[in-house]
Amino acid sequence: HATYEPAILKQVAAAGHAVGSHTWCHQNLSKTKGSCEFRGKKESVDYDPKDEIEKGISAVRWAVGGPTAPYFRFPQLKEPPDLIAYLGKRNIAIFSTDLDSFDFKMRKPEQVRQSVMAKLKKHGKGIVLLHDFQHATGDGAMDLLNDLKAGGYKVVFMKPKFPVTTIASYDEAIL
């Protein structure tokens, strides 16, 4: 998705936000077969999970047009041990979640807000998984941030000490 609207990522990075990555085609990295969208059509593909990671990192770097954060989240929260080790050797931090909003199942911003706030109330704190491309999430984001502030919660900014290093062959591949 980073290559669809690179201007958005440029704007996010220019505003001072840390931008990490999430793979090239959102594959379940515990497998080597899946589907990927090419020119608006889903196609079956065979893939190497490390290629998925590296192409995603290079795509985000390309879209931002500059350095990006050494942060990664596994699609579908599937974290194969060999890829955890691989990312560790690459000095890339893995982020996961404590609470899934399941916002992809919701159509109204208020549903997303209620889901997140109820789960936080139950657990007291946590990293919340949201999908910014879901309309209900995007439309309700400002109100959710206000709800969090009113509820005494804090949004924590993770500032990387150094940018992620891309691999030249993957930079070339995504072009």
N, C-alpha and C. Protein backbone atom coordinates (compact mmCIF):
# COMPACT_ATOMS: atom_id res chain seq x y z
N HIS A 1 0.81 -1.20 0.00
CA HIS A 1 0.00 0.00 0.00
C HIS A 1 0.85 1.26 0.00
N ALA A 2 2.08 1.16 0.45
CA ALA A 2 2.96 2.34 0.49
C ALA A 2 3.14 2.94 -0.90
N THR A 3 3.12 2.11 -1.92
CA THR A 3 3.35 2.61 -3.28
C THR A 3 2.08 3.18 -3.91
N TYR A 4 0.91 2.95 -3.32
CA TYR A 4 -0.34 3.45 -3.90
C TYR A 4 -0.43 4.97 -3.80
N GLU A 5 -0.15 5.50 -2.63
CA GLU A 5 -0.26 6.93 -2.38
C GLU A 5 0.96 7.41 -1.59
N PRO A 6 2.13 7.46 -2.24
CA PRO A 6 3.34 7.84 -1.50
C PRO A 6 3.26 9.23 -0.88
N ALA A 7 2.47 10.12 -1.44
CA ALA A 7 2.36 11.47 -0.88
C ALA A 7 1.84 11.44 0.56
N ILE A 8 0.98 10.48 0.87
CA ILE A 8 0.46 10.37 2.24
C ILE A 8 1.60 10.03 3.21
N LEU A 9 2.43 9.04 2.83
CA LEU A 9 3.55 8.68 3.71
C LEU A 9 4.56 9.81 3.83
N LYS A 10 4.80 10.53 2.75
CA LYS A 10 5.70 11.69 2.80
C LYS A 10 5.17 12.71 3.81
N GLN A 11 3.87 12.95 3.77
CA GLN A 11 3.24 13.91 4.68
C GLN A 11 3.35 13.44 6.13
N VAL A 12 3.11 12.17 6.36
CA VAL A 12 3.19 11.60 7.71
C VAL A 12 4.62 11.74 8.25
N ALA A 13 5.60 11.37 7.44
CA ALA A 13 7.01 11.46 7.86
C ALA A 13 7.41 12.92 8.08
N ALA A 14 6.97 13.81 7.18
CA ALA A 14 7.31 15.23 7.31
C ALA A 14 6.73 15.84 8.58
N ALA A 15 5.63 15.28 9.07
CA ALA A 15 5.02 15.76 10.32
C ALA A 15 5.75 15.24 11.55
N GLY A 16 6.80 14.42 11.34
CA GLY A 16 7.61 13.95 12.46
C GLY A 16 7.26 12.58 12.98
N HIS A 17 6.37 11.87 12.33
CA HIS A 17 5.97 10.54 12.79
C HIS A 17 6.98 9.49 12.34
N ALA A 18 7.16 8.46 13.15
CA ALA A 18 8.00 7.32 12.78
C ALA A 18 7.18 6.41 11.87
N VAL A 19 7.77 6.00 10.75
CA VAL A 19 7.08 5.14 9.79
C VAL A 19 7.84 3.82 9.70
N GLY A 20 7.18 2.73 10.06
CA GLY A 20 7.77 1.39 9.96
C GLY A 20 7.20 0.66 8.77
N SER A 21 7.34 -0.68 8.75
CA SER A 21 6.86 -1.45 7.61
C SER A 21 6.09 -2.68 8.05
N HIS A 22 5.49 -3.34 7.03
CA HIS A 22 4.54 -4.41 7.31
C HIS A 22 4.48 -5.43 6.18
N THR A 23 5.48 -5.58 5.40
CA THR A 23 5.63 -6.48 4.24
C THR A 23 5.18 -5.84 2.94
N TRP A 24 5.51 -6.50 1.87
CA TRP A 24 5.20 -6.03 0.52
C TRP A 24 3.74 -6.28 0.18
N CYS A 25 3.24 -7.48 0.45
CA CYS A 25 1.91 -7.85 -0.04
C CYS A 25 1.03 -8.46 1.05
N HIS A 26 1.35 -8.17 2.30
CA HIS A 26 0.54 -8.59 3.44
C HIS A 26 0.34 -10.10 3.51
N GLN A 27 1.40 -10.84 3.28
CA GLN A 27 1.34 -12.30 3.33
C GLN A 27 1.46 -12.81 4.77
N ASN A 28 0.87 -13.96 5.00
CA ASN A 28 1.09 -14.69 6.24
C ASN A 28 2.50 -15.28 6.14
N LEU A 29 3.43 -14.78 6.92
CA LEU A 29 4.84 -15.15 6.77
C LEU A 29 5.19 -16.52 7.34
N SER A 30 4.19 -17.22 7.86
CA SER A 30 4.44 -18.61 8.27
C SER A 30 4.18 -19.56 7.11
N LYS A 31 3.84 -19.00 5.94
CA LYS A 31 3.58 -19.79 4.73
C LYS A 31 4.45 -19.27 3.59
N THR A 32 4.38 -19.92 2.45
CA THR A 32 5.12 -19.47 1.26
C THR A 32 4.22 -19.39 0.03
N LYS A 33 2.93 -19.55 0.22
CA LYS A 33 1.96 -19.39 -0.87
C LYS A 33 0.85 -18.48 -0.37
N GLY A 34 0.36 -17.64 -1.27
CA GLY A 34 -0.71 -16.73 -0.90
C GLY A 34 -1.26 -16.04 -2.13
N SER A 35 -1.80 -14.85 -1.93
CA SER A 35 -2.28 -14.06 -3.06
C SER A 35 -1.82 -12.63 -2.88
N CYS A 36 -1.66 -11.95 -4.00
CA CYS A 36 -1.19 -10.58 -3.99
C CYS A 36 -1.93 -9.82 -5.08
N GLU A 37 -2.19 -8.55 -4.82
CA GLU A 37 -2.90 -7.74 -5.81
C GLU A 37 -1.90 -7.12 -6.78
N PHE A 38 -2.10 -7.37 -8.06
CA PHE A 38 -1.30 -6.79 -9.13
C PHE A 38 -2.23 -6.07 -10.09
N ARG A 39 -2.00 -4.76 -10.26
CA ARG A 39 -2.81 -3.96 -11.20
C ARG A 39 -4.31 -4.16 -10.96
N GLY A 40 -4.70 -4.16 -9.70
CA GLY A 40 -6.11 -4.25 -9.35
C GLY A 40 -6.70 -5.65 -9.36
N LYS A 41 -5.88 -6.68 -9.62
CA LYS A 41 -6.36 -8.05 -9.65
C LYS A 41 -5.60 -8.91 -8.66
N LYS A 42 -6.31 -9.76 -7.90
CA LYS A 42 -5.63 -10.70 -6.99
C LYS A 42 -5.12 -11.88 -7.78
N GLU A 43 -3.86 -12.24 -7.51
CA GLU A 43 -3.25 -13.39 -8.18
C GLU A 43 -2.62 -14.28 -7.13
N SER A 44 -2.62 -15.58 -7.39
CA SER A 44 -1.94 -16.53 -6.51
C SER A 44 -0.43 -16.37 -6.72
N VAL A 45 0.32 -16.43 -5.62
CA VAL A 45 1.77 -16.27 -5.70
C VAL A 45 2.49 -17.22 -4.76
N ASP A 46 3.69 -17.59 -5.15
CA ASP A 46 4.64 -18.23 -4.26
C ASP A 46 5.58 -17.13 -3.82
N TYR A 47 6.02 -17.14 -2.58
CA TYR A 47 6.88 -16.06 -2.11
C TYR A 47 7.85 -16.57 -1.06
N ASP A 48 8.92 -15.82 -0.92
CA ASP A 48 9.90 -16.05 0.14
C ASP A 48 9.58 -15.04 1.24
N PRO A 49 9.32 -15.48 2.46
CA PRO A 49 8.96 -14.54 3.54
C PRO A 49 9.99 -13.42 3.75
N LYS A 50 11.27 -13.72 3.61
CA LYS A 50 12.27 -12.66 3.77
C LYS A 50 12.15 -11.62 2.66
N ASP A 51 11.84 -12.06 1.44
CA ASP A 51 11.61 -11.11 0.35
C ASP A 51 10.42 -10.21 0.67
N GLU A 52 9.36 -10.80 1.22
CA GLU A 52 8.18 -10.02 1.61
C GLU A 52 8.56 -8.91 2.59
N ILE A 53 9.38 -9.26 3.56
CA ILE A 53 9.82 -8.27 4.56
C ILE A 53 10.66 -7.19 3.89
N GLU A 54 11.67 -7.60 3.15
CA GLU A 54 12.62 -6.64 2.58
C GLU A 54 12.00 -5.76 1.51
N LYS A 55 11.13 -6.32 0.67
CA LYS A 55 10.46 -5.49 -0.32
C LYS A 55 9.54 -4.48 0.35
N GLY A 56 8.92 -4.88 1.45
CA GLY A 56 8.08 -3.94 2.20
C GLY A 56 8.88 -2.80 2.78
N ILE A 57 10.04 -3.11 3.34
CA ILE A 57 10.91 -2.07 3.90
C ILE A 57 11.36 -1.11 2.80
N SER A 58 11.76 -1.66 1.66
CA SER A 58 12.21 -0.82 0.55
C SER A 58 11.08 0.03 -0.02
N ALA A 59 9.87 -0.53 -0.09
CA ALA A 59 8.72 0.21 -0.61
C ALA A 59 8.39 1.40 0.28
N VAL A 60 8.43 1.20 1.59
CA VAL A 60 8.14 2.29 2.53
C VAL A 60 9.22 3.37 2.42
N ARG A 61 10.47 2.96 2.35
CA ARG A 61 11.59 3.92 2.18
C ARG A 61 11.41 4.72 0.91
N TRP A 62 11.06 4.05 -0.19
CA TRP A 62 10.82 4.72 -1.47
C TRP A 62 9.68 5.72 -1.36
N ALA A 63 8.56 5.29 -0.76
CA ALA A 63 7.39 6.16 -0.65
C ALA A 63 7.67 7.39 0.20
N VAL A 64 8.39 7.21 1.29
CA VAL A 64 8.72 8.33 2.17
C VAL A 64 9.75 9.25 1.50
N GLY A 65 10.63 8.65 0.71
CA GLY A 65 11.67 9.44 0.05
C GLY A 65 12.82 9.77 0.97
N GLY A 66 12.95 8.99 2.03
CA GLY A 66 14.02 9.22 3.00
C GLY A 66 14.01 8.12 4.04
N PRO A 67 14.78 8.33 5.10
CA PRO A 67 14.91 7.30 6.14
C PRO A 67 13.57 6.97 6.81
N THR A 68 13.44 5.70 7.18
CA THR A 68 12.26 5.24 7.91
C THR A 68 12.70 4.49 9.16
N ALA A 69 11.75 4.20 10.02
CA ALA A 69 12.05 3.58 11.30
C ALA A 69 12.32 2.07 11.16
N PRO A 70 13.17 1.53 12.01
CA PRO A 70 13.44 0.09 12.01
C PRO A 70 12.37 -0.66 12.81
N TYR A 71 11.11 -0.48 12.41
CA TYR A 71 9.97 -1.07 13.09
C TYR A 71 9.20 -1.96 12.12
N PHE A 72 8.71 -3.08 12.63
CA PHE A 72 8.00 -4.04 11.79
C PHE A 72 6.87 -4.69 12.59
N ARG A 73 5.75 -4.95 11.91
CA ARG A 73 4.68 -5.76 12.50
C ARG A 73 4.33 -6.87 11.52
N PHE A 74 4.25 -8.09 12.04
CA PHE A 74 3.91 -9.24 11.22
C PHE A 74 2.44 -9.19 10.82
N PRO A 75 2.14 -9.43 9.53
CA PRO A 75 0.74 -9.54 9.12
C PRO A 75 0.06 -10.71 9.84
N GLN A 76 -1.19 -10.51 10.17
CA GLN A 76 -2.00 -11.52 10.84
C GLN A 76 -1.39 -11.94 12.18
N LEU A 77 -0.41 -11.19 12.64
CA LEU A 77 0.27 -11.45 13.91
C LEU A 77 0.91 -12.84 13.97
N LYS A 78 1.23 -13.40 12.82
CA LYS A 78 1.93 -14.69 12.74
C LYS A 78 3.42 -14.40 12.76
N GLU A 79 4.13 -14.89 13.78
CA GLU A 79 5.53 -14.54 14.02
C GLU A 79 6.43 -15.79 14.01
N PRO A 80 6.82 -16.28 12.84
CA PRO A 80 7.68 -17.46 12.80
C PRO A 80 9.03 -17.19 13.50
N PRO A 81 9.49 -18.11 14.35
CA PRO A 81 10.74 -17.90 15.10
C PRO A 81 11.95 -17.56 14.22
N ASP A 82 12.06 -18.19 13.03
CA ASP A 82 13.21 -17.90 12.18
C ASP A 82 13.18 -16.46 11.67
N LEU A 83 11.99 -15.90 11.46
CA LEU A 83 11.90 -14.52 10.99
C LEU A 83 12.07 -13.53 12.14
N ILE A 84 11.71 -13.93 13.33
CA ILE A 84 12.01 -13.10 14.50
C ILE A 84 13.53 -12.97 14.63
N ALA A 85 14.24 -14.08 14.48
CA ALA A 85 15.70 -14.06 14.53
C ALA A 85 16.28 -13.23 13.39
N TYR A 86 15.72 -13.37 12.20
CA TYR A 86 16.20 -12.60 11.04
C TYR A 86 16.07 -11.10 11.30
N LEU A 87 14.91 -10.66 11.76
CA LEU A 87 14.71 -9.24 12.04
C LEU A 87 15.63 -8.77 13.16
N GLY A 88 15.89 -9.63 14.13
CA GLY A 88 16.83 -9.29 15.20
C GLY A 88 18.22 -9.03 14.66
N LYS A 89 18.67 -9.88 13.74
CA LYS A 89 19.99 -9.68 13.13
C LYS A 89 20.03 -8.40 12.30
N ARG A 90 18.87 -7.99 11.75
CA ARG A 90 18.78 -6.76 10.96
C ARG A 90 18.58 -5.54 11.87
N ASN A 91 18.48 -5.78 13.18
CA ASN A 91 18.28 -4.71 14.17
C ASN A 91 16.97 -3.96 13.93
N ILE A 92 15.94 -4.74 13.63
CA ILE A 92 14.60 -4.20 13.38
C ILE A 92 13.69 -4.63 14.53
N ALA A 93 13.06 -3.66 15.17
CA ALA A 93 12.17 -3.94 16.31
C ALA A 93 10.84 -4.49 15.80
N ILE A 94 10.34 -5.49 16.49
CA ILE A 94 9.06 -6.10 16.15
C ILE A 94 8.00 -5.55 17.11
N PHE A 95 6.93 -5.04 16.52
CA PHE A 95 5.81 -4.56 17.31
C PHE A 95 4.65 -5.51 17.13
N SER A 96 3.93 -5.74 18.18
CA SER A 96 2.74 -6.57 18.11
C SER A 96 1.60 -5.79 18.76
N THR A 97 0.64 -6.49 19.30
CA THR A 97 -0.53 -5.83 19.86
C THR A 97 -1.00 -6.57 21.10
N ASP A 98 -1.60 -5.82 21.99
CA ASP A 98 -2.24 -6.42 23.15
C ASP A 98 -3.74 -6.56 22.93
N LEU A 99 -4.28 -5.61 22.15
CA LEU A 99 -5.72 -5.55 21.94
C LEU A 99 -6.02 -5.35 20.46
N ASP A 100 -6.83 -6.20 19.89
CA ASP A 100 -7.25 -6.05 18.50
C ASP A 100 -8.62 -5.37 18.50
N SER A 101 -8.72 -4.26 17.80
CA SER A 101 -9.99 -3.52 17.74
C SER A 101 -11.02 -4.24 16.86
N PHE A 102 -10.55 -5.11 15.96
CA PHE A 102 -11.41 -5.74 14.96
C PHE A 102 -12.17 -4.70 14.15
N ASP A 103 -11.51 -3.56 13.92
CA ASP A 103 -12.14 -2.46 13.20
C ASP A 103 -12.50 -2.82 11.76
N PHE A 104 -11.86 -3.83 11.20
CA PHE A 104 -12.18 -4.25 9.83
C PHE A 104 -13.56 -4.88 9.74
N LYS A 105 -14.16 -5.17 10.88
CA LYS A 105 -15.51 -5.74 10.90
C LYS A 105 -16.58 -4.67 11.16
N MET A 106 -16.14 -3.42 11.34
CA MET A 106 -17.06 -2.36 11.75
C MET A 106 -17.27 -1.34 10.63
N ARG A 107 -18.45 -0.76 10.61
CA ARG A 107 -18.79 0.20 9.55
C ARG A 107 -18.93 1.63 10.08
N LYS A 108 -19.05 1.79 11.40
CA LYS A 108 -19.28 3.12 11.96
C LYS A 108 -18.16 3.49 12.93
N PRO A 109 -17.71 4.75 12.86
CA PRO A 109 -16.64 5.21 13.76
C PRO A 109 -16.97 4.98 15.24
N GLU A 110 -18.21 5.16 15.60
CA GLU A 110 -18.59 4.98 17.01
C GLU A 110 -18.38 3.54 17.47
N GLN A 111 -18.57 2.58 16.57
CA GLN A 111 -18.34 1.17 16.92
C GLN A 111 -16.86 0.93 17.23
N VAL A 112 -15.98 1.53 16.43
CA VAL A 112 -14.55 1.38 16.65
C VAL A 112 -14.18 2.00 17.99
N ARG A 113 -14.66 3.20 18.24
CA ARG A 113 -14.36 3.89 19.51
C ARG A 113 -14.83 3.07 20.70
N GLN A 114 -16.05 2.58 20.64
CA GLN A 114 -16.60 1.80 21.76
C GLN A 114 -15.81 0.52 21.97
N SER A 115 -15.44 -0.15 20.90
CA SER A 115 -14.67 -1.39 20.99
C SER A 115 -13.33 -1.14 21.67
N VAL A 116 -12.61 -0.13 21.20
CA VAL A 116 -11.29 0.17 21.76
C VAL A 116 -11.40 0.57 23.23
N MET A 117 -12.30 1.46 23.53
CA MET A 117 -12.41 1.95 24.91
C MET A 117 -12.85 0.85 25.87
N ALA A 118 -13.75 -0.03 25.44
CA ALA A 118 -14.20 -1.13 26.30
C ALA A 118 -13.05 -2.09 26.58
N LYS A 119 -12.26 -2.40 25.56
CA LYS A 119 -11.13 -3.32 25.74
C LYS A 119 -10.06 -2.69 26.62
N LEU A 120 -9.80 -1.42 26.45
CA LEU A 120 -8.82 -0.75 27.30
C LEU A 120 -9.31 -0.68 28.75
N LYS A 121 -10.58 -0.42 28.92
CA LYS A 121 -11.13 -0.38 30.28
C LYS A 121 -10.95 -1.73 30.98
N LYS A 122 -11.18 -2.80 30.22
CA LYS A 122 -11.06 -4.15 30.78
C LYS A 122 -9.60 -4.49 31.12
N HIS A 123 -8.66 -4.12 30.22
CA HIS A 123 -7.25 -4.50 30.40
C HIS A 123 -6.41 -3.42 31.08
N GLY A 124 -6.90 -2.19 31.13
CA GLY A 124 -6.19 -1.11 31.80
C GLY A 124 -5.17 -0.39 30.95
N LYS A 125 -4.59 -1.08 29.96
CA LYS A 125 -3.59 -0.46 29.08
C LYS A 125 -3.30 -1.44 27.96
N GLY A 126 -2.51 -1.00 27.01
CA GLY A 126 -2.08 -1.92 25.96
C GLY A 126 -1.85 -1.26 24.62
N ILE A 127 -1.21 -2.01 23.74
CA ILE A 127 -1.02 -1.58 22.36
C ILE A 127 -2.25 -2.03 21.59
N VAL A 128 -2.90 -1.08 20.92
CA VAL A 128 -4.16 -1.35 20.22
C VAL A 128 -3.89 -1.45 18.72
N LEU A 129 -4.39 -2.51 18.10
CA LEU A 129 -4.28 -2.68 16.65
C LEU A 129 -5.46 -2.00 15.97
N LEU A 130 -5.13 -1.03 15.11
CA LEU A 130 -6.12 -0.34 14.29
C LEU A 130 -5.62 -0.36 12.85
N HIS A 131 -6.53 -0.25 11.91
CA HIS A 131 -6.19 -0.23 10.49
C HIS A 131 -6.61 1.12 9.92
N ASP A 132 -5.64 1.97 9.62
CA ASP A 132 -5.96 3.33 9.20
C ASP A 132 -6.68 3.41 7.86
N PHE A 133 -6.63 2.37 7.05
CA PHE A 133 -7.32 2.40 5.76
C PHE A 133 -8.78 1.99 5.86
N GLN A 134 -9.22 1.57 7.05
CA GLN A 134 -10.64 1.28 7.27
C GLN A 134 -11.37 2.61 7.47
N HIS A 135 -12.43 2.83 6.71
CA HIS A 135 -13.13 4.11 6.78
C HIS A 135 -13.61 4.45 8.19
N ALA A 136 -14.19 3.48 8.88
CA ALA A 136 -14.71 3.76 10.22
C ALA A 136 -13.58 4.17 11.17
N THR A 137 -12.41 3.59 11.00
CA THR A 137 -11.26 3.93 11.84
C THR A 137 -10.75 5.32 11.51
N GLY A 138 -10.53 5.57 10.24
CA GLY A 138 -10.05 6.89 9.81
C GLY A 138 -11.00 8.00 10.20
N ASP A 139 -12.30 7.77 9.99
CA ASP A 139 -13.29 8.79 10.30
C ASP A 139 -13.43 9.04 11.80
N GLY A 140 -13.12 8.02 12.61
CA GLY A 140 -13.28 8.17 14.06
C GLY A 140 -11.99 8.40 14.81
N ALA A 141 -10.86 8.51 14.10
CA ALA A 141 -9.55 8.59 14.76
C ALA A 141 -9.43 9.79 15.71
N MET A 142 -9.84 10.96 15.28
CA MET A 142 -9.70 12.14 16.15
C MET A 142 -10.56 12.01 17.40
N ASP A 143 -11.79 11.53 17.23
CA ASP A 143 -12.65 11.33 18.40
C ASP A 143 -12.09 10.26 19.32
N LEU A 144 -11.51 9.21 18.76
CA LEU A 144 -10.90 8.16 19.59
C LEU A 144 -9.72 8.74 20.37
N LEU A 145 -8.90 9.53 19.73
CA LEU A 145 -7.78 10.16 20.45
C LEU A 145 -8.30 11.04 21.59
N ASN A 146 -9.38 11.76 21.35
CA ASN A 146 -9.98 12.58 22.41
C ASN A 146 -10.54 11.70 23.54
N ASP A 147 -11.16 10.57 23.18
CA ASP A 147 -11.67 9.63 24.19
C ASP A 147 -10.52 9.10 25.05
N LEU A 148 -9.41 8.74 24.40
CA LEU A 148 -8.25 8.22 25.12
C LEU A 148 -7.71 9.26 26.10
N LYS A 149 -7.58 10.48 25.63
CA LYS A 149 -7.08 11.56 26.50
C LYS A 149 -8.03 11.78 27.68
N ALA A 150 -9.32 11.82 27.40
CA ALA A 150 -10.32 12.02 28.46
C ALA A 150 -10.31 10.86 29.45
N GLY A 151 -9.96 9.66 28.98
CA GLY A 151 -9.92 8.49 29.85
C GLY A 151 -8.60 8.34 30.61
N GLY A 152 -7.68 9.29 30.41
CA GLY A 152 -6.41 9.25 31.13
C GLY A 152 -5.35 8.38 30.46
N TYR A 153 -5.61 7.93 29.25
CA TYR A 153 -4.63 7.12 28.52
C TYR A 153 -3.64 8.02 27.80
N LYS A 154 -2.47 7.47 27.50
CA LYS A 154 -1.45 8.23 26.80
C LYS A 154 -1.07 7.50 25.52
N VAL A 155 -0.90 8.26 24.47
CA VAL A 155 -0.36 7.72 23.22
C VAL A 155 1.14 7.98 23.29
N VAL A 156 1.92 6.92 23.13
CA VAL A 156 3.36 7.01 23.28
C VAL A 156 4.02 7.07 21.91
N PHE A 157 4.89 8.04 21.71
CA PHE A 157 5.63 8.16 20.46
C PHE A 157 6.94 7.38 20.60
N MET A 158 7.15 6.46 19.70
CA MET A 158 8.37 5.67 19.69
C MET A 158 9.33 6.31 18.69
N LYS A 159 10.39 6.89 19.19
CA LYS A 159 11.36 7.57 18.32
C LYS A 159 12.58 6.67 18.14
N PRO A 160 12.85 6.28 16.89
CA PRO A 160 14.01 5.40 16.67
C PRO A 160 15.32 6.15 16.83
N LYS A 161 16.35 5.43 17.28
CA LYS A 161 17.68 6.03 17.41
C LYS A 161 18.36 6.14 16.06
N PHE A 162 17.97 5.28 15.13
CA PHE A 162 18.59 5.26 13.81
C PHE A 162 17.57 4.72 12.80
N PRO A 163 17.74 5.04 11.52
CA PRO A 163 16.81 4.52 10.51
C PRO A 163 17.12 3.08 10.14
N VAL A 164 16.16 2.42 9.52
CA VAL A 164 16.37 1.09 9.00
C VAL A 164 17.27 1.20 7.75
N THR A 165 18.09 0.21 7.56
CA THR A 165 18.93 0.15 6.36
C THR A 165 18.25 -0.77 5.35
N THR A 166 18.02 -0.24 4.17
CA THR A 166 17.44 -1.08 3.13
C THR A 166 18.55 -1.85 2.42
N ILE A 167 18.15 -2.85 1.65
CA ILE A 167 19.10 -3.66 0.88
C ILE A 167 18.94 -3.27 -0.59
N ALA A 168 20.04 -2.89 -1.23
CA ALA A 168 20.01 -2.32 -2.58
C ALA A 168 19.23 -3.17 -3.58
N SER A 169 19.39 -4.48 -3.53
CA SER A 169 18.70 -5.33 -4.52
C SER A 169 17.17 -5.25 -4.37
N TYR A 170 16.69 -5.04 -3.15
CA TYR A 170 15.25 -4.90 -2.94
C TYR A 170 14.78 -3.49 -3.32
N ASP A 171 15.63 -2.50 -3.08
CA ASP A 171 15.30 -1.14 -3.54
C ASP A 171 15.08 -1.16 -5.04
N GLU A 172 15.96 -1.84 -5.77
CA GLU A 172 15.85 -1.94 -7.22
C GLU A 172 14.62 -2.75 -7.62
N ALA A 173 14.32 -3.80 -6.90
CA ALA A 173 13.18 -4.67 -7.24
C ALA A 173 11.85 -3.94 -7.13
N ILE A 174 11.69 -3.10 -6.13
CA ILE A 174 10.39 -2.44 -5.97
C ILE A 174 10.19 -1.33 -7.00
N LEU A 175 11.28 -0.82 -7.54
CA LEU A 175 11.13 0.20 -8.59
C LEU A 175 10.54 -0.41 -9.85
